[in-house]
Amino acid sequence: MRVVHFTQGATDPLQYLQTSGTRIVSLASGHGEVHVSCLHLAPGAKVPELWTTHECALLVVHGCLSCIGHGRVEVYAGMGVLPEESEQEYSLETSSGAIVIVVEAPCLVPHVQGTSTHQRTAGQRWPGEPAILPRKYLRLPWRHR
């Protein structure tokens, strides 16, 4: 078994056009031009006009990012996007920061099991996340108990 690290200390700055606040580390390569890497996006990071020669899956493992192609999609931890073939050119932005696993291959087709639908994703939580979030009340100074 070989261990790979994709912590920030293992990354290098992404030297790509006008990219800001982005670091990258390559994790694995395979036959047929398959590549797996990890992006660390600092708060406020931008990757303008990201252009790929392969199909790409962007899987957010921490934080949130915006993927901007023909539209704008907000992608949170536990979600991913596979840009359409017509969206070879797109950009990424994050206000809060994100860690993203990037899978590139000549052909990627999303499985039905992983495709987001309201029925599959409604009420899903991360392990350890409370089942019922506590209610928050506004405490007004003139209100007495």
N, C-alpha and C. Protein backbone atom coordinates (compact mmCIF):
# COMPACT_ATOMS: atom_id res chain seq x y z
N MET A 1 0.84 -1.17 0.00
CA MET A 1 0.00 0.00 0.00
C MET A 1 0.89 1.24 0.00
N ARG A 2 0.60 2.17 -0.89
CA ARG A 2 1.35 3.42 -0.97
C ARG A 2 0.47 4.55 -0.46
N VAL A 3 1.03 5.38 0.38
CA VAL A 3 0.29 6.49 0.98
C VAL A 3 0.60 7.78 0.22
N VAL A 4 -0.43 8.55 -0.07
CA VAL A 4 -0.25 9.86 -0.70
C VAL A 4 -0.75 10.93 0.26
N HIS A 5 -0.11 12.08 0.22
CA HIS A 5 -0.51 13.20 1.07
C HIS A 5 -1.02 14.33 0.20
N PHE A 6 -2.16 14.89 0.59
CA PHE A 6 -2.62 16.07 -0.11
C PHE A 6 -2.94 17.20 0.86
N THR A 7 -2.16 17.23 1.96
CA THR A 7 -2.24 18.35 2.88
C THR A 7 -1.57 19.57 2.24
N GLN A 8 -1.84 20.74 2.75
CA GLN A 8 -1.31 21.96 2.14
C GLN A 8 0.21 21.95 2.06
N GLY A 9 0.88 21.37 3.05
CA GLY A 9 2.34 21.33 3.03
C GLY A 9 2.92 20.53 1.88
N ALA A 10 2.13 19.66 1.26
CA ALA A 10 2.60 18.86 0.13
C ALA A 10 2.36 19.55 -1.21
N THR A 11 1.73 20.72 -1.20
CA THR A 11 1.34 21.39 -2.44
C THR A 11 2.36 22.42 -2.90
N ASP A 12 2.26 22.78 -4.17
CA ASP A 12 3.08 23.84 -4.76
C ASP A 12 2.14 24.89 -5.34
N PRO A 13 2.59 26.15 -5.42
CA PRO A 13 1.74 27.18 -6.02
C PRO A 13 1.39 26.81 -7.46
N LEU A 14 0.14 27.05 -7.84
CA LEU A 14 -0.29 26.82 -9.22
C LEU A 14 0.11 28.03 -10.04
N GLN A 15 1.03 27.85 -10.96
CA GLN A 15 1.51 28.92 -11.83
C GLN A 15 0.74 28.87 -13.13
N TYR A 16 -0.42 29.49 -13.16
CA TYR A 16 -1.30 29.38 -14.32
C TYR A 16 -1.99 30.71 -14.55
N LEU A 17 -1.71 31.36 -15.63
CA LEU A 17 -2.32 32.64 -16.00
C LEU A 17 -2.39 33.59 -14.82
N GLN A 18 -3.59 34.04 -14.47
CA GLN A 18 -3.76 35.00 -13.38
C GLN A 18 -4.34 34.34 -12.14
N THR A 19 -3.95 33.10 -11.88
CA THR A 19 -4.42 32.37 -10.73
C THR A 19 -3.91 33.02 -9.46
N SER A 20 -4.78 33.08 -8.45
CA SER A 20 -4.35 33.61 -7.17
C SER A 20 -4.84 32.71 -6.04
N GLY A 21 -4.00 32.51 -5.03
CA GLY A 21 -4.38 31.74 -3.85
C GLY A 21 -4.61 30.27 -4.08
N THR A 22 -3.95 29.68 -5.08
CA THR A 22 -4.20 28.28 -5.42
C THR A 22 -2.90 27.49 -5.39
N ARG A 23 -2.96 26.34 -4.73
CA ARG A 23 -1.82 25.42 -4.65
C ARG A 23 -2.29 24.06 -5.16
N ILE A 24 -1.35 23.24 -5.67
CA ILE A 24 -1.71 21.96 -6.28
C ILE A 24 -0.68 20.90 -5.93
N VAL A 25 -1.13 19.65 -5.88
CA VAL A 25 -0.23 18.52 -5.76
C VAL A 25 -0.80 17.39 -6.63
N SER A 26 0.05 16.77 -7.45
CA SER A 26 -0.36 15.61 -8.25
C SER A 26 -0.34 14.39 -7.35
N LEU A 27 -1.39 13.56 -7.45
CA LEU A 27 -1.50 12.40 -6.58
C LEU A 27 -1.27 11.08 -7.30
N ALA A 28 -1.78 10.95 -8.52
CA ALA A 28 -1.63 9.68 -9.24
C ALA A 28 -1.88 9.91 -10.73
N SER A 29 -1.28 9.04 -11.54
CA SER A 29 -1.53 9.02 -12.98
C SER A 29 -1.79 7.59 -13.37
N GLY A 30 -2.52 7.43 -14.45
CA GLY A 30 -2.84 6.08 -14.89
C GLY A 30 -2.76 5.95 -16.39
N HIS A 31 -3.09 4.77 -16.88
CA HIS A 31 -3.09 4.52 -18.33
C HIS A 31 -4.17 5.35 -19.00
N GLY A 32 -3.94 5.73 -20.22
CA GLY A 32 -4.93 6.49 -20.96
C GLY A 32 -5.05 7.93 -20.50
N GLU A 33 -3.96 8.50 -20.03
CA GLU A 33 -3.94 9.90 -19.63
C GLU A 33 -4.91 10.22 -18.49
N VAL A 34 -4.94 9.37 -17.49
CA VAL A 34 -5.74 9.60 -16.29
C VAL A 34 -4.85 10.27 -15.25
N HIS A 35 -5.35 11.36 -14.66
CA HIS A 35 -4.59 12.10 -13.66
C HIS A 35 -5.48 12.42 -12.47
N VAL A 36 -4.92 12.31 -11.26
CA VAL A 36 -5.63 12.69 -10.04
C VAL A 36 -4.73 13.67 -9.30
N SER A 37 -5.31 14.82 -8.94
CA SER A 37 -4.54 15.83 -8.20
C SER A 37 -5.44 16.49 -7.17
N CYS A 38 -4.86 17.35 -6.37
CA CYS A 38 -5.60 18.05 -5.33
C CYS A 38 -5.28 19.53 -5.40
N LEU A 39 -6.33 20.35 -5.39
CA LEU A 39 -6.19 21.81 -5.35
C LEU A 39 -6.52 22.30 -3.95
N HIS A 40 -5.72 23.20 -3.44
CA HIS A 40 -6.02 23.91 -2.20
C HIS A 40 -6.27 25.35 -2.60
N LEU A 41 -7.49 25.82 -2.39
CA LEU A 41 -7.87 27.18 -2.73
C LEU A 41 -8.00 27.99 -1.44
N ALA A 42 -7.21 29.03 -1.31
CA ALA A 42 -7.27 29.90 -0.13
C ALA A 42 -8.53 30.76 -0.21
N PRO A 43 -8.98 31.32 0.91
CA PRO A 43 -10.12 32.23 0.85
C PRO A 43 -9.84 33.36 -0.15
N GLY A 44 -10.79 33.61 -1.04
CA GLY A 44 -10.64 34.62 -2.07
C GLY A 44 -9.90 34.15 -3.31
N ALA A 45 -9.54 32.86 -3.39
CA ALA A 45 -8.79 32.34 -4.54
C ALA A 45 -9.63 32.38 -5.81
N LYS A 46 -8.93 32.58 -6.93
CA LYS A 46 -9.58 32.59 -8.25
C LYS A 46 -8.70 31.85 -9.24
N VAL A 47 -9.34 31.02 -10.05
CA VAL A 47 -8.67 30.36 -11.16
C VAL A 47 -9.45 30.75 -12.41
N PRO A 48 -9.03 31.84 -13.09
CA PRO A 48 -9.77 32.29 -14.27
C PRO A 48 -9.44 31.46 -15.50
N GLU A 49 -10.44 31.21 -16.29
CA GLU A 49 -10.27 30.53 -17.57
C GLU A 49 -9.46 29.25 -17.48
N LEU A 50 -9.88 28.35 -16.61
CA LEU A 50 -9.24 27.04 -16.52
C LEU A 50 -9.61 26.27 -17.79
N TRP A 51 -8.63 25.78 -18.49
CA TRP A 51 -8.87 25.10 -19.74
C TRP A 51 -8.31 23.69 -19.65
N THR A 52 -9.12 22.69 -19.98
CA THR A 52 -8.66 21.31 -19.88
C THR A 52 -8.72 20.64 -21.24
N THR A 53 -7.84 19.67 -21.44
CA THR A 53 -7.83 18.90 -22.68
C THR A 53 -8.55 17.56 -22.47
N HIS A 54 -8.85 17.23 -21.19
CA HIS A 54 -9.54 15.99 -20.85
C HIS A 54 -10.83 16.34 -20.12
N GLU A 55 -11.69 15.35 -19.98
CA GLU A 55 -12.85 15.55 -19.13
C GLU A 55 -12.38 15.57 -17.69
N CYS A 56 -13.11 16.26 -16.85
CA CYS A 56 -12.63 16.55 -15.52
C CYS A 56 -13.76 16.44 -14.50
N ALA A 57 -13.45 15.85 -13.34
CA ALA A 57 -14.37 15.83 -12.21
C ALA A 57 -13.71 16.63 -11.09
N LEU A 58 -14.44 17.59 -10.55
CA LEU A 58 -13.96 18.41 -9.44
C LEU A 58 -14.77 18.01 -8.22
N LEU A 59 -14.11 17.39 -7.23
CA LEU A 59 -14.78 16.84 -6.05
C LEU A 59 -14.35 17.64 -4.82
N VAL A 60 -15.26 18.40 -4.23
CA VAL A 60 -14.93 19.25 -3.09
C VAL A 60 -14.96 18.42 -1.82
N VAL A 61 -13.84 18.35 -1.12
CA VAL A 61 -13.76 17.59 0.14
C VAL A 61 -13.82 18.51 1.36
N HIS A 62 -13.59 19.81 1.15
CA HIS A 62 -13.66 20.76 2.26
C HIS A 62 -13.97 22.14 1.69
N GLY A 63 -14.85 22.88 2.34
CA GLY A 63 -15.14 24.24 1.94
C GLY A 63 -16.20 24.34 0.87
N CYS A 64 -16.12 25.40 0.09
CA CYS A 64 -17.12 25.69 -0.94
C CYS A 64 -16.44 26.46 -2.06
N LEU A 65 -16.88 26.20 -3.30
CA LEU A 65 -16.37 26.95 -4.43
C LEU A 65 -17.48 27.19 -5.43
N SER A 66 -17.25 28.16 -6.30
CA SER A 66 -18.15 28.44 -7.41
C SER A 66 -17.46 28.00 -8.68
N CYS A 67 -18.16 27.20 -9.49
CA CYS A 67 -17.66 26.77 -10.79
C CYS A 67 -18.46 27.54 -11.82
N ILE A 68 -17.77 28.32 -12.65
CA ILE A 68 -18.44 29.22 -13.58
C ILE A 68 -18.09 28.79 -15.00
N GLY A 69 -19.10 28.31 -15.73
CA GLY A 69 -18.95 27.92 -17.13
C GLY A 69 -20.03 28.63 -17.91
N HIS A 70 -21.02 27.87 -18.40
CA HIS A 70 -22.17 28.48 -19.06
C HIS A 70 -23.13 29.06 -18.03
N GLY A 71 -22.94 28.68 -16.78
CA GLY A 71 -23.71 29.19 -15.66
C GLY A 71 -22.81 29.18 -14.43
N ARG A 72 -23.39 29.42 -13.28
CA ARG A 72 -22.61 29.43 -12.03
C ARG A 72 -23.20 28.36 -11.11
N VAL A 73 -22.35 27.45 -10.62
CA VAL A 73 -22.79 26.39 -9.74
C VAL A 73 -22.01 26.49 -8.44
N GLU A 74 -22.72 26.53 -7.31
CA GLU A 74 -22.08 26.53 -6.00
C GLU A 74 -21.87 25.07 -5.59
N VAL A 75 -20.64 24.71 -5.25
CA VAL A 75 -20.30 23.33 -4.94
C VAL A 75 -19.73 23.29 -3.52
N TYR A 76 -20.38 22.53 -2.64
CA TYR A 76 -20.00 22.44 -1.24
C TYR A 76 -19.31 21.11 -0.96
N ALA A 77 -18.67 20.99 0.21
CA ALA A 77 -18.01 19.75 0.61
C ALA A 77 -18.99 18.59 0.49
N GLY A 78 -18.53 17.50 -0.10
CA GLY A 78 -19.38 16.34 -0.33
C GLY A 78 -20.06 16.36 -1.69
N MET A 79 -19.79 17.39 -2.48
CA MET A 79 -20.37 17.53 -3.82
C MET A 79 -19.24 17.62 -4.85
N GLY A 80 -19.60 17.43 -6.09
CA GLY A 80 -18.64 17.59 -7.16
C GLY A 80 -19.34 18.02 -8.43
N VAL A 81 -18.58 18.40 -9.43
CA VAL A 81 -19.12 18.75 -10.74
C VAL A 81 -18.28 18.10 -11.82
N LEU A 82 -18.93 17.77 -12.90
CA LEU A 82 -18.28 17.30 -14.11
C LEU A 82 -18.70 18.26 -15.22
N PRO A 83 -17.85 19.24 -15.55
CA PRO A 83 -18.23 20.18 -16.61
C PRO A 83 -18.56 19.45 -17.90
N GLU A 84 -19.58 19.97 -18.60
CA GLU A 84 -20.00 19.38 -19.87
C GLU A 84 -18.89 19.54 -20.91
N GLU A 85 -18.95 18.73 -21.95
CA GLU A 85 -17.95 18.80 -23.01
C GLU A 85 -17.89 20.19 -23.63
N SER A 86 -19.03 20.87 -23.69
CA SER A 86 -19.08 22.21 -24.27
C SER A 86 -18.49 23.26 -23.33
N GLU A 87 -18.22 22.88 -22.08
CA GLU A 87 -17.65 23.81 -21.10
C GLU A 87 -16.16 23.52 -20.89
N GLN A 88 -15.41 23.43 -21.97
CA GLN A 88 -13.98 23.17 -21.85
C GLN A 88 -13.27 24.30 -21.13
N GLU A 89 -13.83 25.48 -21.18
CA GLU A 89 -13.24 26.63 -20.53
C GLU A 89 -14.17 27.09 -19.42
N TYR A 90 -13.68 27.10 -18.18
CA TYR A 90 -14.48 27.52 -17.05
C TYR A 90 -13.54 28.10 -16.00
N SER A 91 -14.12 28.69 -14.97
CA SER A 91 -13.29 29.28 -13.91
C SER A 91 -13.80 28.83 -12.55
N LEU A 92 -12.93 28.97 -11.55
CA LEU A 92 -13.26 28.61 -10.17
C LEU A 92 -13.02 29.81 -9.28
N GLU A 93 -13.88 29.97 -8.27
CA GLU A 93 -13.73 31.03 -7.28
C GLU A 93 -14.17 30.49 -5.93
N THR A 94 -13.60 31.03 -4.87
CA THR A 94 -14.07 30.70 -3.53
C THR A 94 -13.86 31.89 -2.62
N SER A 95 -14.85 32.17 -1.80
CA SER A 95 -14.70 33.25 -0.83
C SER A 95 -14.18 32.70 0.50
N SER A 96 -14.51 31.44 0.80
CA SER A 96 -14.15 30.86 2.09
C SER A 96 -13.00 29.86 2.03
N GLY A 97 -12.57 29.47 0.84
CA GLY A 97 -11.53 28.48 0.68
C GLY A 97 -12.11 27.10 0.40
N ALA A 98 -11.32 26.22 -0.21
CA ALA A 98 -11.79 24.87 -0.54
C ALA A 98 -10.61 23.95 -0.80
N ILE A 99 -10.85 22.66 -0.59
CA ILE A 99 -9.91 21.61 -0.99
C ILE A 99 -10.66 20.74 -1.99
N VAL A 100 -10.07 20.55 -3.17
CA VAL A 100 -10.75 19.90 -4.29
C VAL A 100 -9.88 18.78 -4.85
N ILE A 101 -10.45 17.59 -4.97
CA ILE A 101 -9.78 16.49 -5.68
C ILE A 101 -10.18 16.62 -7.16
N VAL A 102 -9.19 16.60 -8.04
CA VAL A 102 -9.42 16.76 -9.47
C VAL A 102 -9.07 15.44 -10.15
N VAL A 103 -10.03 14.88 -10.89
CA VAL A 103 -9.82 13.64 -11.65
C VAL A 103 -9.97 14.00 -13.12
N GLU A 104 -8.92 13.73 -13.91
CA GLU A 104 -8.94 14.01 -15.35
C GLU A 104 -8.76 12.71 -16.11
N ALA A 105 -9.56 12.53 -17.15
CA ALA A 105 -9.46 11.34 -17.99
C ALA A 105 -10.04 11.67 -19.36
N PRO A 106 -9.71 10.88 -20.38
CA PRO A 106 -10.26 11.14 -21.71
C PRO A 106 -11.79 11.09 -21.72
N CYS A 107 -12.39 10.26 -20.87
CA CYS A 107 -13.85 10.16 -20.84
C CYS A 107 -14.30 9.90 -19.40
N LEU A 108 -15.19 10.75 -18.89
CA LEU A 108 -15.78 10.55 -17.56
C LEU A 108 -17.29 10.67 -17.70
N VAL A 109 -17.99 9.68 -17.21
CA VAL A 109 -19.45 9.68 -17.26
C VAL A 109 -19.96 9.52 -15.84
N PRO A 110 -20.78 10.47 -15.34
CA PRO A 110 -21.27 10.34 -13.97
C PRO A 110 -22.22 9.14 -13.84
N HIS A 111 -22.08 8.40 -12.73
CA HIS A 111 -22.96 7.28 -12.45
C HIS A 111 -24.29 7.78 -11.91
N VAL A 112 -25.34 7.06 -12.17
CA VAL A 112 -26.66 7.42 -11.68
C VAL A 112 -26.65 7.51 -10.15
N GLN A 113 -25.94 6.60 -9.47
CA GLN A 113 -25.90 6.59 -8.01
C GLN A 113 -25.30 7.87 -7.45
N GLY A 114 -24.40 8.49 -8.16
CA GLY A 114 -23.76 9.69 -7.65
C GLY A 114 -24.38 10.99 -8.12
N THR A 115 -25.31 10.91 -9.06
CA THR A 115 -25.93 12.12 -9.59
C THR A 115 -26.91 12.69 -8.58
N SER A 116 -26.82 13.99 -8.36
CA SER A 116 -27.66 14.65 -7.36
C SER A 116 -29.12 14.73 -7.80
N THR A 117 -29.98 14.24 -6.93
CA THR A 117 -31.42 14.45 -7.05
C THR A 117 -31.93 14.81 -5.67
N HIS A 118 -33.03 15.51 -5.60
CA HIS A 118 -33.56 15.92 -4.30
C HIS A 118 -33.85 14.69 -3.43
N GLN A 119 -34.39 13.64 -4.02
CA GLN A 119 -34.73 12.44 -3.26
C GLN A 119 -33.50 11.79 -2.64
N ARG A 120 -32.36 11.83 -3.33
CA ARG A 120 -31.14 11.18 -2.84
C ARG A 120 -30.40 12.04 -1.82
N THR A 121 -30.51 13.37 -1.94
CA THR A 121 -29.67 14.23 -1.11
C THR A 121 -30.41 14.93 0.03
N ALA A 122 -31.73 14.95 0.02
CA ALA A 122 -32.49 15.67 1.06
C ALA A 122 -32.19 15.09 2.44
N GLY A 123 -31.80 15.94 3.35
CA GLY A 123 -31.56 15.53 4.73
C GLY A 123 -30.25 14.81 4.98
N GLN A 124 -29.38 14.71 3.98
CA GLN A 124 -28.09 14.03 4.18
C GLN A 124 -27.18 14.88 5.05
N ARG A 125 -26.40 14.22 5.89
CA ARG A 125 -25.49 14.91 6.81
C ARG A 125 -24.16 14.19 6.83
N TRP A 126 -23.13 14.91 7.26
CA TRP A 126 -21.83 14.30 7.48
C TRP A 126 -21.87 13.52 8.78
N PRO A 127 -21.03 12.47 8.92
CA PRO A 127 -20.99 11.74 10.19
C PRO A 127 -20.66 12.69 11.35
N GLY A 128 -21.40 12.53 12.45
CA GLY A 128 -21.18 13.37 13.62
C GLY A 128 -21.94 14.67 13.61
N GLU A 129 -22.53 15.03 12.47
CA GLU A 129 -23.32 16.26 12.40
C GLU A 129 -24.65 16.01 13.10
N PRO A 130 -25.14 16.96 13.92
CA PRO A 130 -26.38 16.71 14.66
C PRO A 130 -27.58 16.49 13.73
N ALA A 131 -28.45 15.57 14.15
CA ALA A 131 -29.63 15.25 13.35
C ALA A 131 -30.60 16.43 13.31
N ILE A 132 -30.75 17.12 14.43
CA ILE A 132 -31.63 18.28 14.50
C ILE A 132 -30.78 19.45 14.97
N LEU A 133 -30.73 20.46 14.17
CA LEU A 133 -29.95 21.63 14.55
C LEU A 133 -30.71 22.40 15.62
N PRO A 134 -30.02 22.87 16.67
CA PRO A 134 -30.71 23.62 17.72
C PRO A 134 -31.27 24.92 17.17
N ARG A 135 -32.45 25.32 17.65
CA ARG A 135 -33.06 26.56 17.22
C ARG A 135 -32.34 27.73 17.86
N LYS A 136 -32.19 28.77 17.11
CA LYS A 136 -31.54 29.97 17.62
C LYS A 136 -32.61 31.04 17.76
N TYR A 137 -32.58 31.74 18.88
CA TYR A 137 -33.54 32.79 19.14
C TYR A 137 -32.83 34.13 19.21
N LEU A 138 -33.50 35.14 18.72
CA LEU A 138 -32.99 36.49 18.82
C LEU A 138 -33.35 37.00 20.21
N ARG A 139 -32.38 37.40 20.96
CA ARG A 139 -32.63 37.89 22.31
C ARG A 139 -32.72 39.41 22.27
N LEU A 140 -33.90 39.91 22.44
CA LEU A 140 -34.14 41.34 22.37
C LEU A 140 -33.99 41.95 23.76
N PRO A 141 -33.35 43.12 23.88
CA PRO A 141 -33.09 43.69 25.20
C PRO A 141 -34.37 44.07 25.95
N TRP A 142 -35.45 44.39 25.26
CA TRP A 142 -36.68 44.81 25.94
C TRP A 142 -37.59 43.64 26.28
N ARG A 143 -37.18 42.45 25.88
CA ARG A 143 -37.99 41.28 26.13
C ARG A 143 -37.58 40.64 27.45
N HIS A 144 -38.51 40.44 28.34
CA HIS A 144 -38.22 39.81 29.65
C HIS A 144 -38.82 38.44 29.69
N ARG A 145 -38.22 37.60 30.47
CA ARG A 145 -38.74 36.24 30.60
C ARG A 145 -39.61 36.14 31.81
